[in-house]
Protein backbone atom coordinates (compact mmCIF):
# COMPACT_ATOMS: atom_id res chain seq x y z
CA MET A 1 -9.10 69.49 317.25
CA VAL A 2 -9.48 68.79 320.99
CA ALA A 3 -7.19 71.67 321.91
CA VAL A 4 -9.24 74.01 319.79
CA LEU A 5 -12.43 72.79 321.36
CA ALA A 6 -11.24 73.23 324.90
CA SER A 7 -10.64 76.93 324.44
CA ALA A 8 -13.68 77.72 322.34
CA SER A 9 -17.12 78.87 323.39
CA PHE A 10 -18.37 75.32 323.08
CA GLY A 11 -15.65 73.96 325.35
CA ALA A 12 -15.73 72.13 328.66
CA VAL A 13 -18.63 72.63 331.03
CA ALA A 14 -18.82 72.09 334.77
CA THR A 15 -20.93 68.93 334.96
CA ALA A 16 -20.92 66.13 332.42
CA ALA A 17 -24.26 65.36 330.86
CA GLU A 18 -25.74 62.80 328.49
CA LEU A 19 -27.55 64.57 325.68
CA HIS A 20 -30.23 62.95 323.57
CA TYR A 21 -30.03 63.94 319.91
CA VAL A 22 -32.65 63.00 317.31
CA LEU A 23 -31.78 62.51 313.64
CA GLY A 24 -32.96 60.57 310.61
CA THR A 25 -31.48 57.40 309.18
CA VAL A 26 -30.63 58.18 305.54
CA GLY A 27 -27.39 56.73 304.16
CA ASN A 28 -24.60 56.62 306.76
CA ASP A 29 -25.98 59.42 308.94
CA VAL A 30 -25.66 57.58 312.24
CA GLU A 31 -22.11 56.31 311.76
CA ASN A 32 -20.91 59.65 310.42
CA PHE A 33 -22.49 61.51 313.32
CA LYS A 34 -20.69 59.35 315.87
CA LYS A 35 -17.36 60.23 314.28
CA LEU A 36 -18.14 63.92 314.04
CA VAL A 37 -19.28 64.32 317.64
CA LYS A 38 -16.44 62.35 319.27
CA PRO A 39 -13.99 65.33 319.60
CA TRP A 40 -16.68 67.37 321.35
CA GLU A 41 -17.40 64.50 323.75
CA GLU A 42 -13.71 64.10 324.55
CA ALA A 43 -13.17 67.83 325.06
CA THR A 44 -16.23 68.46 327.23
CA GLY A 45 -16.72 65.16 329.06
CA ASN A 46 -20.33 65.11 327.90
CA THR A 47 -21.78 62.25 325.86
CA VAL A 48 -24.36 62.14 323.11
CA LYS A 49 -26.95 59.40 322.74
CA LEU A 50 -28.61 59.17 319.36
CA VAL A 51 -32.33 58.68 319.02
CA PRO A 52 -32.78 57.28 315.49
CA MET A 53 -35.87 58.06 313.47
CA PRO A 54 -37.53 56.66 310.34
CA ALA A 55 -36.06 57.63 306.98
CA SER A 56 -39.35 59.30 306.03
CA THR A 57 -39.14 62.97 306.96
CA SER A 58 -42.93 63.10 307.17
CA ASP A 59 -42.96 60.42 309.87
CA GLN A 60 -40.04 62.12 311.59
CA PHE A 61 -41.79 65.48 311.71
CA GLY A 62 -44.93 63.90 313.14
CA GLN A 63 -42.93 62.38 315.98
CA TYR A 64 -41.19 65.69 316.67
CA ARG A 65 -44.55 67.42 316.98
CA LEU A 66 -45.80 64.80 319.44
CA TRP A 67 -42.71 65.03 321.65
CA LEU A 68 -42.61 68.82 321.68
CA ALA A 69 -46.34 69.16 322.28
CA ALA A 70 -45.91 66.91 325.31
CA GLY A 71 -43.00 69.00 326.62
CA ASN A 72 -40.67 66.00 326.41
CA LYS A 73 -37.61 66.67 328.59
CA ASP A 74 -35.75 63.58 327.40
CA ILE A 75 -34.84 65.05 323.98
CA ASP A 76 -32.25 67.82 324.04
CA LEU A 77 -31.54 68.48 320.37
CA TYR A 78 -33.56 67.94 317.21
CA GLN A 79 -32.08 67.69 313.73
CA THR A 80 -34.57 69.63 311.62
CA ASP A 81 -35.47 69.94 307.96
CA VAL A 82 -35.14 73.40 306.41
CA ILE A 83 -38.93 73.73 306.09
CA TRP A 84 -39.81 73.05 309.73
CA ALA A 85 -38.64 76.27 311.37
CA PRO A 86 -41.98 78.15 311.28
CA GLN A 87 -43.81 75.16 312.75
CA LEU A 88 -41.38 74.38 315.58
CA ALA A 89 -40.23 77.90 316.46
CA GLU A 90 -42.24 78.26 319.67
CA GLN A 91 -40.69 75.17 321.21
CA LEU A 92 -37.03 75.72 320.34
CA VAL A 93 -34.45 77.91 322.06
CA ASP A 94 -33.46 81.22 320.45
CA LEU A 95 -29.81 80.77 319.43
CA SER A 96 -29.26 84.32 318.14
CA GLU A 97 -27.02 85.51 320.97
CA ALA A 98 -25.07 82.27 321.41
CA ALA A 99 -24.32 82.07 317.67
CA LYS A 100 -23.73 85.76 316.94
CA ASP A 101 -20.08 85.16 315.94
CA LEU A 102 -20.89 82.08 313.86
CA VAL A 103 -23.91 83.36 311.92
CA PRO A 104 -22.00 85.72 309.56
CA LYS A 105 -20.00 82.76 308.22
CA HIS A 106 -23.10 80.99 306.89
CA LEU A 107 -25.09 81.51 303.70
CA PRO A 108 -27.53 84.35 304.50
CA ALA A 109 -30.46 82.59 302.82
CA VAL A 110 -30.02 79.54 305.04
CA ILE A 111 -29.83 81.62 308.22
CA GLN A 112 -32.94 83.49 307.06
CA SER A 113 -34.79 80.20 306.57
CA GLN A 114 -34.18 79.34 310.23
CA THR A 115 -35.15 82.74 311.60
CA VAL A 116 -38.77 83.17 312.69
CA ASN A 117 -39.96 86.54 313.99
CA GLY A 118 -36.38 87.53 314.71
CA LYS A 119 -35.64 84.29 316.58
CA LEU A 120 -32.90 81.98 315.29
CA VAL A 121 -34.47 78.60 316.06
CA ALA A 122 -31.84 76.29 314.52
CA LEU A 123 -28.27 76.37 313.25
CA PRO A 124 -27.37 75.06 309.78
CA LEU A 125 -25.53 71.75 309.49
CA PHE A 126 -25.53 71.41 305.70
CA THR A 127 -27.60 72.55 302.78
CA ASP A 128 -29.06 70.41 300.05
CA ALA A 129 -30.24 70.54 296.48
CA PRO A 130 -30.84 67.46 294.34
CA ALA A 131 -29.19 66.74 291.02
CA LEU A 132 -29.52 64.36 288.10
CA TYR A 133 -27.19 61.39 288.52
CA TYR A 134 -26.31 59.75 285.22
CA ARG A 135 -24.29 56.76 284.06
CA LYS A 136 -21.61 58.41 281.96
CA ASP A 137 -20.41 55.01 280.71
CA LEU A 138 -23.84 54.10 279.35
CA LEU A 139 -24.41 57.50 277.77
CA GLN A 140 -21.04 57.27 276.04
CA LYS A 141 -21.70 53.70 274.91
CA HIS A 142 -25.00 54.66 273.28
CA GLY A 143 -23.89 58.01 271.90
CA ALA A 144 -26.24 60.00 274.11
CA ARG A 145 -25.77 63.39 275.74
CA VAL A 146 -26.79 64.50 279.21
CA PRO A 147 -30.47 65.50 278.83
CA LYS A 148 -31.30 69.18 279.12
CA THR A 149 -35.10 68.74 279.25
CA TRP A 150 -37.45 66.20 280.82
CA GLU A 151 -38.60 65.14 277.36
CA GLU A 152 -34.98 64.45 276.42
CA LEU A 153 -34.51 62.45 279.61
CA THR A 154 -37.60 60.39 278.80
CA GLU A 155 -36.34 59.59 275.30
CA THR A 156 -32.73 58.91 276.34
CA ALA A 157 -33.72 56.73 279.28
CA ARG A 158 -36.02 54.64 277.10
CA LYS A 159 -33.43 54.28 274.34
CA ILE A 160 -30.64 53.10 276.63
CA GLN A 161 -32.94 50.94 278.76
CA ASP A 162 -34.28 49.11 275.71
CA ALA A 163 -30.84 48.63 274.18
CA GLU A 164 -29.30 47.30 277.41
CA ARG A 165 -32.22 44.97 278.04
CA ALA A 166 -31.81 43.60 274.53
CA GLU A 167 -28.27 42.70 275.57
CA GLY A 168 -29.59 40.75 278.56
CA LYS A 169 -29.69 43.38 281.33
CA GLY A 170 -33.33 42.81 282.17
CA ASP A 171 -33.18 44.55 285.55
CA LEU A 172 -32.06 47.91 284.16
CA TRP A 173 -34.43 50.87 284.43
CA GLY A 174 -34.14 54.24 282.76
CA PHE A 175 -34.92 56.54 285.68
CA VAL A 176 -35.41 56.14 289.43
CA TRP A 177 -36.63 58.82 291.82
CA GLN A 178 -38.83 59.30 294.92
CA GLY A 179 -42.49 58.54 294.18
CA ASN A 180 -43.82 57.53 297.59
CA ALA A 181 -46.60 59.67 299.07
CA TYR A 182 -44.42 61.76 301.44
CA GLU A 183 -42.43 65.00 301.53
CA GLY A 184 -39.94 63.65 299.00
CA LEU A 185 -42.66 63.52 296.36
CA THR A 186 -43.50 67.16 297.08
CA CYS A 187 -39.86 67.96 296.28
CA ASN A 188 -39.81 65.94 293.05
CA ALA A 189 -43.14 67.28 291.82
CA LEU A 190 -42.29 70.88 292.69
CA GLU A 191 -39.18 70.53 290.52
CA TRP A 192 -41.18 69.20 287.58
CA ILE A 193 -43.86 71.88 287.84
CA ARG A 194 -41.48 74.80 288.43
CA SER A 195 -39.21 73.69 285.57
CA PHE A 196 -42.24 73.69 283.24
CA GLY A 197 -43.03 77.25 284.25
CA GLY A 198 -46.01 76.14 286.34
CA GLY A 199 -45.17 78.09 289.50
CA GLN A 200 -44.32 76.81 292.96
CA ILE A 201 -47.69 75.61 294.31
CA VAL A 202 -48.23 78.75 296.37
CA GLU A 203 -46.42 81.94 295.42
CA PRO A 204 -44.57 84.16 297.94
CA ASP A 205 -47.53 86.57 298.04
CA GLY A 206 -49.85 83.71 299.05
CA THR A 207 -51.48 83.18 295.65
CA ILE A 208 -52.40 79.53 295.04
CA SER A 209 -50.97 78.87 291.58
CA VAL A 210 -50.80 75.09 291.24
CA ASN A 211 -53.88 74.62 289.05
CA ASN A 212 -52.56 75.51 285.61
CA GLU A 213 -51.87 73.86 282.26
CA LYS A 214 -48.09 73.85 282.62
CA ALA A 215 -48.27 72.12 286.01
CA ALA A 216 -50.66 69.53 284.55
CA ALA A 217 -48.33 68.93 281.59
CA ALA A 218 -45.43 68.29 283.97
CA LEU A 219 -47.40 65.72 285.96
CA ASP A 220 -48.74 64.05 282.82
CA LEU A 221 -45.18 63.50 281.62
CA ALA A 222 -44.14 62.07 284.99
CA GLU A 223 -47.13 59.73 284.96
CA SER A 224 -45.95 58.38 281.59
CA TRP A 225 -42.73 57.18 283.23
CA ILE A 226 -44.49 54.68 285.51
CA GLY A 227 -43.96 51.17 284.18
CA THR A 228 -42.00 52.43 281.16
CA ILE A 229 -38.70 54.00 282.18
CA SER A 230 -39.43 53.81 285.93
CA PRO A 231 -40.56 50.65 287.73
CA GLN A 232 -44.11 50.47 289.04
CA GLY A 233 -42.53 50.18 292.47
CA VAL A 234 -41.16 53.74 292.21
CA LEU A 235 -44.52 54.79 293.63
CA ALA A 236 -43.23 53.45 296.95
CA TYR A 237 -39.63 54.67 296.63
CA GLN A 238 -38.00 57.10 299.00
CA GLU A 239 -34.36 58.23 298.75
CA GLU A 240 -32.81 54.96 299.88
CA GLU A 241 -34.92 52.73 297.62
CA ALA A 242 -33.92 54.81 294.60
CA ARG A 243 -30.29 54.74 295.66
CA GLY A 244 -30.44 50.98 296.14
CA VAL A 245 -31.49 50.44 292.52
CA TRP A 246 -28.96 52.97 291.25
CA GLN A 247 -26.01 51.76 293.30
CA THR A 248 -26.44 48.15 292.17
CA GLY A 249 -26.08 49.37 288.59
CA ASN A 250 -29.72 49.01 287.62
CA ALA A 251 -30.60 52.56 286.53
CA VAL A 252 -29.41 54.95 283.83
CA PHE A 253 -30.57 58.11 285.64
CA MET A 254 -31.44 58.94 289.24
CA ARG A 255 -32.73 62.05 290.98
CA ASN A 256 -31.24 62.29 294.45
CA TRP A 257 -29.48 64.48 297.01
CA PRO A 258 -25.70 65.01 297.43
CA TYR A 259 -25.31 62.29 300.09
CA ALA A 260 -25.72 59.63 297.37
CA TYR A 261 -22.58 60.83 295.57
CA SER A 262 -19.99 59.64 298.08
CA LEU A 263 -21.92 56.41 298.72
CA GLY A 264 -22.11 55.78 294.99
CA ASN A 265 -18.34 55.95 294.84
CA GLY A 266 -17.89 53.60 297.80
CA ALA A 267 -15.91 50.39 297.55
CA ASP A 268 -19.07 48.25 297.49
CA SER A 269 -20.79 50.27 294.76
CA ALA A 270 -21.39 48.77 291.32
CA VAL A 271 -21.33 52.26 289.79
CA LYS A 272 -18.12 53.54 291.38
CA GLY A 273 -16.32 55.81 288.94
CA ARG A 274 -18.99 55.27 286.29
CA PHE A 275 -21.35 58.17 286.97
CA ASP A 276 -21.51 61.93 287.19
CA VAL A 277 -24.11 64.57 288.09
CA ALA A 278 -25.74 67.50 286.32
CA PRO A 279 -28.50 70.00 287.11
CA LEU A 280 -31.98 68.55 286.84
CA PRO A 281 -33.62 68.96 283.41
CA SER A 282 -35.91 71.83 282.49
CA GLY A 283 -39.43 71.61 281.14
CA GLY A 284 -38.36 72.96 277.75
CA GLU A 285 -35.60 74.84 275.97
CA ASN A 286 -36.90 78.19 277.19
CA ASP A 287 -37.49 77.01 280.76
CA SER A 288 -35.07 76.73 283.67
CA SER A 289 -33.97 73.82 285.79
CA ALA A 290 -35.40 73.71 289.32
CA ALA A 291 -33.96 71.92 292.33
CA THR A 292 -35.75 71.91 295.67
CA LEU A 293 -33.79 73.70 298.37
CA GLY A 294 -33.19 71.29 301.20
CA GLY A 295 -30.85 71.07 304.13
CA TRP A 296 -30.69 70.10 307.77
CA ASN A 297 -30.23 72.11 310.91
CA VAL A 298 -30.00 71.56 314.65
CA GLY A 299 -32.32 73.09 317.23
CA VAL A 300 -32.29 72.96 321.02
CA SER A 301 -35.51 72.01 322.78
CA LYS A 302 -36.78 74.61 325.24
CA TYR A 303 -37.77 71.67 327.48
CA SER A 304 -34.19 70.35 327.70
CA GLU A 305 -32.73 70.14 331.17
CA HIS A 306 -29.23 70.56 329.68
CA LYS A 307 -29.63 73.69 327.58
CA GLU A 308 -26.10 75.00 328.12
CA GLU A 309 -24.54 71.73 327.00
CA ALA A 310 -27.02 71.37 324.13
CA ILE A 311 -26.21 74.86 322.82
CA SER A 312 -22.52 74.02 323.09
CA LEU A 313 -23.05 70.95 320.92
CA ALA A 314 -25.17 72.84 318.39
CA LEU A 315 -22.45 75.48 317.97
CA PHE A 316 -19.84 72.78 317.47
CA LEU A 317 -21.86 70.89 314.87
CA ALA A 318 -22.63 74.07 312.91
CA GLY A 319 -19.01 75.24 312.98
CA PRO A 320 -16.48 75.16 310.12
CA ASP A 321 -14.49 72.15 311.37
CA VAL A 322 -17.47 69.82 311.47
CA GLN A 323 -18.99 71.18 308.26
CA LYS A 324 -15.67 70.49 306.55
CA GLN A 325 -15.46 66.95 307.89
CA ARG A 326 -19.08 66.26 306.98
CA ALA A 327 -18.41 67.49 303.44
CA ILE A 328 -15.38 65.21 303.09
CA MET A 329 -17.05 62.17 304.68
CA ALA A 330 -20.54 62.40 303.19
CA SER A 331 -20.36 64.91 300.30
CA SER A 332 -22.72 67.16 302.30
CA LEU A 333 -22.93 70.72 300.99
CA PRO A 334 -21.58 73.26 303.51
CA THR A 335 -23.52 76.34 304.50
CA ILE A 336 -20.27 78.12 305.42
CA VAL A 337 -19.33 80.01 302.27
CA LYS A 338 -15.54 79.78 302.48
CA LEU A 339 -15.64 75.97 302.49
CA TYR A 340 -16.57 75.90 298.79
CA ASP A 341 -13.00 77.08 298.14
CA ASP A 342 -11.37 74.67 300.61
CA PRO A 343 -8.68 72.62 298.82
CA ASP A 344 -9.13 69.58 301.10
CA ILE A 345 -12.84 69.40 300.29
CA ALA A 346 -12.18 69.88 296.58
CA ALA A 347 -9.60 67.06 296.64
CA ALA A 348 -11.79 64.62 298.58
CA GLN A 349 -15.14 65.57 297.02
CA PRO A 350 -14.50 67.43 293.76
CA ILE A 351 -18.23 67.50 293.13
CA ILE A 352 -18.89 69.98 295.96
CA PRO A 353 -17.41 73.09 294.27
CA ARG A 354 -19.36 72.10 291.14
CA TRP A 355 -22.63 71.79 293.08
CA LYS A 356 -22.80 75.56 293.09
CA ASP A 357 -24.40 75.29 289.64
CA VAL A 358 -27.13 73.07 291.09
CA LEU A 359 -27.73 75.50 293.96
CA LEU A 360 -28.24 78.35 291.48
CA GLY A 361 -31.47 76.64 290.42
CA ALA A 362 -32.66 75.91 293.93
CA VAL A 363 -36.28 76.76 294.70
CA PRO A 364 -37.77 76.89 298.21
CA ARG A 365 -40.90 75.01 299.14
CA PRO A 366 -43.79 77.31 300.13
CA SER A 367 -43.26 76.87 303.86
CA ALA A 368 -42.82 80.62 304.37
CA SER A 369 -46.21 81.25 302.72
CA ALA A 370 -48.13 78.49 304.50
CA LYS A 371 -46.29 78.88 307.83
CA VAL A 372 -47.75 76.48 310.43
CA LYS A 373 -50.04 74.95 307.78
CA TYR A 374 -47.19 73.91 305.48
CA ASN A 375 -47.28 70.28 306.54
CA GLU A 376 -50.99 70.07 305.64
CA LEU A 377 -50.40 71.87 302.36
CA SER A 378 -47.59 69.52 301.41
CA SER A 379 -49.64 66.45 302.33
CA LYS A 380 -52.51 67.58 300.13
CA PHE A 381 -50.10 68.32 297.28
CA TRP A 382 -48.20 65.03 297.39
CA SER A 383 -51.48 63.12 297.70
CA ALA A 384 -52.86 64.77 294.54
CA VAL A 385 -49.61 64.06 292.70
CA HIS A 386 -49.52 60.44 293.88
CA GLU A 387 -53.11 59.93 292.71
CA THR A 388 -52.13 61.24 289.29
CA LEU A 389 -49.02 59.06 289.06
CA SER A 390 -51.09 56.05 290.13
CA GLY A 391 -53.58 56.63 287.30
CA ASN A 392 -56.40 57.74 289.59
CA GLY A 393 -57.68 60.77 287.71
CA SER A 394 -55.90 63.08 285.28
CA ALA A 395 -53.44 65.74 286.36
CA ALA A 396 -55.90 68.48 285.39
CA GLU A 397 -58.70 66.92 287.46
CA ASN A 398 -56.52 66.34 290.50
CA LEU A 399 -54.99 69.83 290.41
CA GLU A 400 -58.44 71.38 290.22
CA LEU A 401 -59.49 69.48 293.34
CA LEU A 402 -56.19 70.36 295.01
CA GLU A 403 -56.77 74.06 294.38
CA LEU A 404 -60.13 73.85 296.18
CA ASP A 405 -58.52 72.03 299.13
CA LEU A 406 -55.77 74.63 299.37
CA GLU A 407 -58.28 77.49 299.22
CA ASP A 408 -60.11 75.92 302.19
CA LEU A 409 -56.78 75.54 304.04
CA LYS A 410 -55.88 79.14 303.33
CA GLY A 411 -59.31 80.30 304.36
CA ALA A 412 -58.83 78.67 307.76
CA GLY A 413 -55.73 80.83 308.19
CA TRP A 414 -52.12 80.02 307.46
């Protein structure tokens, strides 16, 4: 690996530098990153200091905006969510020329998501789409099949939960997911609404579509889960809280991202070898599954005093070697197409080739439509959903109010 690095475009530079790299703290992100970046450090003589952030992507984005608005020179590279490109574009370096040989290897849709007005503002690290995690041992024990619709999931979760509790497993819940008022709830709720045929909040042509009967029906069903098949505390869950319940063996179903797969099969996991994944359910037999398109990228701050070194690191992290290692270590989905046929990845993480089926149902959030106003749009949406789930107004009432709020936001220009 080091020999390859030394001769590549991201190889040794004249003066060693310490780069500051910001990333979130979900799962084993920090420990994995240290392992991945070590060959680059050894080959170039540069070092990378991590700046950890909260697990909440909403809090993380807010901090990014503050630092970039202040022209912070201390941060060299930002790990960015797939939806942030339009909002951060003006303060990140254009990587188009530096990455011209690497770009054709990546999924075109992912590259497109990081291109704003012809400027490539970040390079893909991995893509993401959530799936339905299910306890295959419990489904087999109770003669249940993997649910195809949300109604089926509701019934199956309740049936197994009640039966297991009758046998003394009082801590078992039917379904855990991300119900906190943050970006993760936008993802969950978008999946429910889209799978019911209720649109995607704002359509690609800018039409606000969220206030409709199908969207309301989706949210009404989700509200029925609170305190029945999902704990009341799910209204405060993010990814790690849901995984914590799941990985201790206290849930039948979980909605989560690919990173939870390898952790769920870890040596300390109570569900190791006892679960599998499937596409998320649909709203009905004639509807389709929907999984929010996610993924993380790396951008270079235009205020960095070490741009050459930072670009070198970004190219390395987005390259095939690191994407392969990240896939093997953390079950992260590559954005480099050929890696889905890599035998080493298939042997270490057999779920990755199968995740293609999940990606087929991936739906983007309306960040392209709302552009710089997406964060406000999402906040209004998740707030309306959280009010509904909390029993504060019906779905129909809250969606009607949301539509008015989004019309005002659109009228102010997005």
